[in-house]
Every structure is written in structure tokens, then in C-alpha cells.
C-alpha atoms as a PDB file:
ATOM      1  CA  MET A   1     -13.276  -7.723  35.601  1.00  0.00           C
ATOM      2  CA  LYS A   2     -11.544 -11.179  35.644  1.00  0.00           C
ATOM      3  CA  THR A   3     -14.715 -12.799  34.317  1.00  0.00           C
ATOM      4  CA  ARG A   4     -14.833 -10.229  31.385  1.00  0.00           C
ATOM      5  CA  LEU A   5     -11.194 -10.904  30.577  1.00  0.00           C
ATOM      6  CA  LEU A   6     -11.788 -14.675  30.547  1.00  0.00           C
ATOM      7  CA  MET A   7     -14.801 -14.264  28.295  1.00  0.00           C
ATOM      8  CA  LEU A   8     -12.895 -11.977  25.890  1.00  0.00           C
ATOM      9  CA  THR A   9      -9.984 -14.477  25.768  1.00  0.00           C
ATOM     10  CA  ALA A  10     -12.438 -17.344  25.084  1.00  0.00           C
ATOM     11  CA  ILE A  11     -14.106 -15.336  22.280  1.00  0.00           C
ATOM     12  CA  PHE A  12     -10.694 -14.402  20.763  1.00  0.00           C
ATOM     13  CA  ASN A  13      -9.546 -18.033  20.846  1.00  0.00           C
ATOM     14  CA  ALA A  14     -12.794 -19.257  19.288  1.00  0.00           C
ATOM     15  CA  LEU A  15     -12.574 -16.708  16.474  1.00  0.00           C
ATOM     16  CA  PHE A  16      -8.813 -16.777  15.770  1.00  0.00           C
ATOM     17  CA  GLY A  17      -7.524 -19.957  17.424  1.00  0.00           C
ATOM     18  CA  THR A  18      -4.403 -20.314  19.494  1.00  0.00           C
ATOM     19  CA  ALA A  19      -2.271 -22.577  17.347  1.00  0.00           C
ATOM     20  CA  ILE A  20       1.267 -21.467  16.564  1.00  0.00           C
ATOM     21  CA  ALA A  21       2.840 -22.602  13.343  1.00  0.00           C
ATOM     22  CA  GLY A  22       4.997 -25.655  13.958  1.00  0.00           C
ATOM     23  CA  GLU A  23       3.730 -26.249  17.512  1.00  0.00           C
ATOM     24  CA  GLY A  24       1.080 -28.825  16.646  1.00  0.00           C
ATOM     25  CA  GLU A  25      -0.278 -31.222  19.118  1.00  0.00           C
ATOM     26  CA  LYS A  26       0.485 -34.736  20.332  1.00  0.00           C
ATOM     27  CA  VAL A  27      -2.382 -37.110  19.594  1.00  0.00           C
ATOM     28  CA  SER A  28      -2.952 -40.843  19.207  1.00  0.00           C
ATOM     29  CA  TYR A  29      -5.312 -42.251  16.631  1.00  0.00           C
ATOM     30  CA  ASP A  30      -5.202 -44.679  13.734  1.00  0.00           C
ATOM     31  CA  ALA A  31      -3.482 -43.266  10.679  1.00  0.00           C
ATOM     32  CA  PRO A  32      -5.677 -43.200   7.598  1.00  0.00           C
ATOM     33  CA  ALA A  33      -5.105 -46.269   5.448  1.00  0.00           C
ATOM     34  CA  VAL A  34      -5.426 -44.508   2.097  1.00  0.00           C
ATOM     35  CA  SER A  35      -3.667 -44.792  -1.215  1.00  0.00           C
ATOM     36  CA  GLY A  36      -2.920 -42.305  -3.960  1.00  0.00           C
ATOM     37  CA  ILE A  37      -1.002 -41.882  -7.245  1.00  0.00           C
ATOM     38  CA  ASN A  38       2.523 -40.463  -6.989  1.00  0.00           C
ATOM     39  CA  GLN A  39       4.292 -38.188  -9.410  1.00  0.00           C
ATOM     40  CA  ASP A  40       5.267 -41.212 -11.584  1.00  0.00           C
ATOM     41  CA  GLY A  41       1.758 -42.581 -11.837  1.00  0.00           C
ATOM     42  CA  ALA A  42       2.374 -45.421  -9.365  1.00  0.00           C
ATOM     43  CA  THR A  43      -0.026 -46.239  -6.595  1.00  0.00           C
ATOM     44  CA  VAL A  44       1.272 -45.595  -3.099  1.00  0.00           C
ATOM     45  CA  ASN A  45      -0.408 -47.442  -0.294  1.00  0.00           C
ATOM     46  CA  PHE A  46       0.120 -45.314   2.814  1.00  0.00           C
ATOM     47  CA  ALA A  47      -0.212 -48.253   5.203  1.00  0.00           C
ATOM     48  CA  ASP A  48       2.745 -49.942   3.444  1.00  0.00           C
ATOM     49  CA  VAL A  49       4.831 -46.759   3.873  1.00  0.00           C
ATOM     50  CA  TYR A  50       3.879 -46.543   7.606  1.00  0.00           C
ATOM     51  CA  LYS A  51       5.288 -50.105   8.132  1.00  0.00           C
ATOM     52  CA  LYS A  52       8.696 -48.955   7.000  1.00  0.00           C
ATOM     53  CA  GLY A  53       9.102 -46.544   9.912  1.00  0.00           C
ATOM     54  CA  PRO A  54       8.020 -43.133  11.187  1.00  0.00           C
ATOM     55  CA  THR A  55       6.225 -41.318   8.369  1.00  0.00           C
ATOM     56  CA  VAL A  56       5.740 -37.648   7.794  1.00  0.00           C
ATOM     57  CA  VAL A  57       2.680 -36.834   5.681  1.00  0.00           C
ATOM     58  CA  PHE A  58       2.540 -33.185   4.782  1.00  0.00           C
ATOM     59  CA  PHE A  59      -0.113 -31.259   2.844  1.00  0.00           C
ATOM     60  CA  TYR A  60       0.484 -28.193   0.872  1.00  0.00           C
ATOM     61  CA  PRO A  61      -1.860 -25.943  -1.152  1.00  0.00           C
ATOM     62  CA  LYS A  62      -0.228 -25.931  -4.608  1.00  0.00           C
ATOM     63  CA  ALA A  63       2.966 -27.243  -6.126  1.00  0.00           C
ATOM     64  CA  ASP A  64       5.665 -24.749  -7.093  1.00  0.00           C
ATOM     65  CA  THR A  65       4.270 -21.799  -5.189  1.00  0.00           C
ATOM     66  CA  PRO A  66       6.490 -19.852  -2.756  1.00  0.00           C
ATOM     67  CA  GLY A  67       5.292 -21.269   0.591  1.00  0.00           C
ATOM     68  CA  CYS A  68       4.882 -24.772  -0.675  1.00  0.00           C
ATOM     69  CA  THR A  69       8.365 -24.693  -2.143  1.00  0.00           C
ATOM     70  CA  LYS A  70       9.864 -23.547   1.218  1.00  0.00           C
ATOM     71  CA  GLN A  71       8.044 -26.343   2.980  1.00  0.00           C
ATOM     72  CA  ALA A  72       9.064 -28.993   0.528  1.00  0.00           C
ATOM     73  CA  CYS A  73      12.678 -27.792   0.290  1.00  0.00           C
ATOM     74  CA  ALA A  74      12.988 -27.649   4.088  1.00  0.00           C
ATOM     75  CA  LEU A  75      12.155 -31.374   4.173  1.00  0.00           C
ATOM     76  CA  ARG A  76      14.440 -32.043   1.196  1.00  0.00           C
ATOM     77  CA  ASP A  77      17.310 -30.320   2.921  1.00  0.00           C
ATOM     78  CA  ALA A  78      16.796 -32.354   6.068  1.00  0.00           C
ATOM     79  CA  PHE A  79      16.048 -35.574   4.285  1.00  0.00           C
ATOM     80  CA  ALA A  80      19.373 -37.268   4.978  1.00  0.00           C
ATOM     81  CA  ASP A  81      18.993 -36.540   8.728  1.00  0.00           C
ATOM     82  CA  LEU A  82      15.321 -37.714   8.727  1.00  0.00           C
ATOM     83  CA  THR A  83      16.169 -40.979   6.966  1.00  0.00           C
ATOM     84  CA  LYS A  84      18.888 -41.689   9.491  1.00  0.00           C
ATOM     85  CA  ASP A  85      15.961 -41.997  11.901  1.00  0.00           C
ATOM     86  CA  GLY A  86      14.096 -44.199   9.462  1.00  0.00           C
ATOM     87  CA  VAL A  87      11.597 -41.457   8.584  1.00  0.00           C
ATOM     88  CA  GLN A  88       9.559 -41.725   5.388  1.00  0.00           C
ATOM     89  CA  VAL A  89       8.139 -38.509   3.791  1.00  0.00           C
ATOM     90  CA  LEU A  90       5.073 -38.109   1.633  1.00  0.00           C
ATOM     91  CA  GLY A  91       3.767 -34.780   0.310  1.00  0.00           C
ATOM     92  CA  VAL A  92       0.153 -34.410  -0.731  1.00  0.00           C
ATOM     93  CA  SER A  93      -1.792 -31.750  -2.649  1.00  0.00           C
ATOM     94  CA  PHE A  94      -4.734 -31.500  -5.017  1.00  0.00           C
ATOM     95  CA  ASP A  95      -2.255 -31.203  -7.929  1.00  0.00           C
ATOM     96  CA  LYS A  96      -2.290 -33.808 -10.704  1.00  0.00           C
ATOM     97  CA  PRO A  97       0.644 -36.269 -11.150  1.00  0.00           C
ATOM     98  CA  GLU A  98       2.108 -34.205 -13.888  1.00  0.00           C
ATOM     99  CA  SER A  99       2.336 -31.095 -11.761  1.00  0.00           C
ATOM    100  CA  GLN A 100       3.746 -33.102  -8.854  1.00  0.00           C
ATOM    101  CA  LYS A 101       6.496 -34.564 -11.182  1.00  0.00           C
ATOM    102  CA  ALA A 102       7.457 -31.147 -12.429  1.00  0.00           C
ATOM    103  CA  PHE A 103       7.636 -29.831  -8.904  1.00  0.00           C
ATOM    104  CA  LYS A 104       9.645 -32.836  -7.708  1.00  0.00           C
ATOM    105  CA  ASP A 105      12.037 -32.602 -10.567  1.00  0.00           C
ATOM    106  CA  LYS A 106      12.515 -28.780 -10.476  1.00  0.00           C
ATOM    107  CA  PHE A 107      13.469 -28.905  -6.773  1.00  0.00           C
ATOM    108  CA  THR A 108      15.100 -32.371  -6.660  1.00  0.00           C
ATOM    109  CA  LEU A 109      12.699 -33.538  -3.926  1.00  0.00           C
ATOM    110  CA  PRO A 110      13.826 -37.020  -2.735  1.00  0.00           C
ATOM    111  CA  TYR A 111      10.402 -38.270  -1.658  1.00  0.00           C
ATOM    112  CA  ASP A 112       7.035 -39.065  -3.250  1.00  0.00           C
ATOM    113  CA  LEU A 113       4.490 -36.364  -4.005  1.00  0.00           C
ATOM    114  CA  ILE A 114       0.969 -37.726  -4.004  1.00  0.00           C
ATOM    115  CA  ALA A 115      -1.650 -36.353  -6.323  1.00  0.00           C
ATOM    116  CA  ASP A 116      -5.024 -35.973  -4.642  1.00  0.00           C
ATOM    117  CA  PRO A 117      -7.246 -34.158  -7.236  1.00  0.00           C
ATOM    118  CA  GLU A 118     -10.435 -35.594  -5.774  1.00  0.00           C
ATOM    119  CA  GLY A 119      -9.448 -34.780  -2.160  1.00  0.00           C
ATOM    120  CA  LYS A 120      -9.901 -38.275  -0.786  1.00  0.00           C
ATOM    121  CA  ILE A 121      -6.549 -38.215   1.180  1.00  0.00           C
ATOM    122  CA  VAL A 122      -7.237 -34.687   2.282  1.00  0.00           C
ATOM    123  CA  ALA A 123     -10.586 -35.805   3.601  1.00  0.00           C
ATOM    124  CA  ALA A 124      -9.177 -38.879   5.311  1.00  0.00           C
ATOM    125  CA  PHE A 125      -6.682 -36.754   7.252  1.00  0.00           C
ATOM    126  CA  LYS A 126      -9.405 -34.181   7.945  1.00  0.00           C
ATOM    127  CA  VAL A 127      -7.241 -31.412   6.347  1.00  0.00           C
ATOM    128  CA  GLU A 128      -9.121 -28.202   5.894  1.00  0.00           C
ATOM    129  CA  LYS A 129      -9.776 -27.109   2.315  1.00  0.00           C
ATOM    130  CA  MET A 130      -9.404 -23.509   1.128  1.00  0.00           C
ATOM    131  CA  LEU A 131     -10.941 -22.041  -2.024  1.00  0.00           C
ATOM    132  CA  LYS A 132      -8.930 -19.785  -4.299  1.00  0.00           C
ATOM    133  CA  GLY A 133     -11.092 -18.735  -7.179  1.00  0.00           C
ATOM    134  CA  ILE A 134     -12.459 -22.001  -8.575  1.00  0.00           C
ATOM    135  CA  LEU A 135      -9.546 -24.069  -7.150  1.00  0.00           C
ATOM    136  CA  SER A 136      -9.858 -26.161  -4.086  1.00  0.00           C
ATOM    137  CA  LEU A 137      -6.607 -26.242  -2.090  1.00  0.00           C
ATOM    138  CA  ALA A 138      -5.440 -28.205   0.942  1.00  0.00           C
ATOM    139  CA  LYS A 139      -4.572 -26.070   3.912  1.00  0.00           C
ATOM    140  CA  ARG A 140      -0.867 -26.469   4.881  1.00  0.00           C
ATOM    141  CA  SER A 141      -0.784 -29.312   7.511  1.00  0.00           C
ATOM    142  CA  CYS A 142       1.628 -31.957   8.680  1.00  0.00           C
ATOM    143  CA  PHE A 143       1.267 -35.314  10.533  1.00  0.00           C
ATOM    144  CA  LEU A 144       3.760 -37.681  12.061  1.00  0.00           C
ATOM    145  CA  ILE A 145       2.823 -41.357  12.017  1.00  0.00           C
ATOM    146  CA  LYS A 146       4.529 -44.086  14.180  1.00  0.00           C
ATOM    147  CA  GLY A 147       3.383 -47.667  14.456  1.00  0.00           C
ATOM    148  CA  GLY A 148       0.300 -46.966  12.323  1.00  0.00           C
ATOM    149  CA  LYS A 149      -0.876 -44.194  14.689  1.00  0.00           C
ATOM    150  CA  VAL A 150      -0.904 -40.444  14.116  1.00  0.00           C
ATOM    151  CA  VAL A 151       1.228 -39.239  17.047  1.00  0.00           C
ATOM    152  CA  TRP A 152       1.469 -35.524  16.180  1.00  0.00           C
ATOM    153  CA  GLN A 153      -0.553 -33.233  13.983  1.00  0.00           C
ATOM    154  CA  ASP A 154      -0.042 -29.655  13.045  1.00  0.00           C
ATOM    155  CA  TYR A 155      -2.884 -27.786  11.225  1.00  0.00           C
ATOM    156  CA  GLN A 156      -0.799 -24.594  11.189  1.00  0.00           C
ATOM    157  CA  ALA A 157       2.290 -26.215   9.604  1.00  0.00           C
ATOM    158  CA  SER A 158       5.381 -24.142   9.069  1.00  0.00           C
ATOM    159  CA  THR A 159       7.019 -23.531   5.763  1.00  0.00           C
ATOM    160  CA  ASP A 160      10.764 -23.150   6.047  1.00  0.00           C
ATOM    161  CA  GLN A 161      10.804 -24.670   9.626  1.00  0.00           C
ATOM    162  CA  GLN A 162       8.879 -27.798   8.764  1.00  0.00           C
ATOM    163  CA  ALA A 163      11.921 -30.122   9.057  1.00  0.00           C
ATOM    164  CA  ALA A 164      13.016 -28.608  12.365  1.00  0.00           C
ATOM    165  CA  ASP A 165       9.493 -29.102  13.736  1.00  0.00           C
ATOM    166  CA  ILE A 166       9.559 -32.700  12.747  1.00  0.00           C
ATOM    167  CA  LYS A 167      12.985 -33.333  14.260  1.00  0.00           C
ATOM    168  CA  ARG A 168      11.838 -31.754  17.533  1.00  0.00           C
ATOM    169  CA  VAL A 169       8.669 -33.868  17.657  1.00  0.00           C
ATOM    170  CA  LEU A 170      10.653 -37.066  16.779  1.00  0.00           C
ATOM    171  CA  GLY A 171      12.802 -36.440  19.825  1.00  0.00           C
ATOM    172  CA  GLU A 172       9.780 -35.913  22.018  1.00  0.00           C
ATOM    173  CA  VAL A 173       7.823 -39.042  20.978  1.00  0.00           C
ATOM    174  CA  LYS A 174      10.628 -41.628  20.981  1.00  0.00           C
END
């Protein structure tokens, strides 16, 4: 009986996973040294941002959609607290710079949004892609980088609790 239960648990976990949104996992590997174009058309070199302090890189499926707006606004609302700890924030999606700019302006987001229409940054961070019709979308994910290393990753990133998750992890990895 116990063996059957263990087997069923293993099958369930393999099929559905065990990750809980916001929980993530502590890791340690070199952060991808990539670059992308922000909402204003300027090139942002991620390695340069990492040097400024702890960096949150979050991925969202599509600008100005309900879940993505909650995630981005949670980080906006906590931005003052995060920057007190020296935290940098970068948001990334497949959207083009014009869409990123409209999203940033509409919700007064105080951090750069990076356009990744070719998916190079998504691939470098090993973020899963989703298809919706003919659109390729990045699965909601979040990473915390310190000292050039990814120290926490969450492939089940929360929407409205994203900032609280980051604050909790920052306290754990100091």
C-alpha cells in the first residue's frame, strides 16, 4: 500500500509539478549576460544592471493584460521599498518596444521594460514559452540576481504577490 501511494505521488508530481506560486527555489548559477531594447529604444546590458545591486528580472506573457498588470503593479507599488535595498527591476516580455512603452506609461511603472520579440532573453533564462493562437508568450517567471549569480528563481511567479515574494527572498539570501 505504501509503495502504491509513493508511486501515485511520484506520477502526480511528474504530471502536475509541486511548485507553489511565489515559493520558487534558491539556486546559484551565473546570471545570463544578455542585452535587450527597453521601452524607449535604448539598449540595456543586463550585466551592467547586475553590477548596480540585487536585480529582479521578471517575465510576463503580454503587456497590459490582467495578470501581467497585477504583477507589474505589485512591483511598482513596492519599488520605493525595493530600491532602499538597492534592488534593480527589469520586466521582460515578447512585446515590442512600443507596447512596452504604452504599458509603462499607462501604469506609471518606474523600471525598464525590455522588449524580447525574438525570445533571446527568454531563452537565456530558460523561461518556458506558451503559445496562444499564433503568438508566442513567455510564461510568468521571476529571478533574483546578486553578485552576478541567480540566487532564486520562480517558474510559477505570482501576480499580485510578486513584490512580497521578492522581499521575503531578499531577507533570506542576505
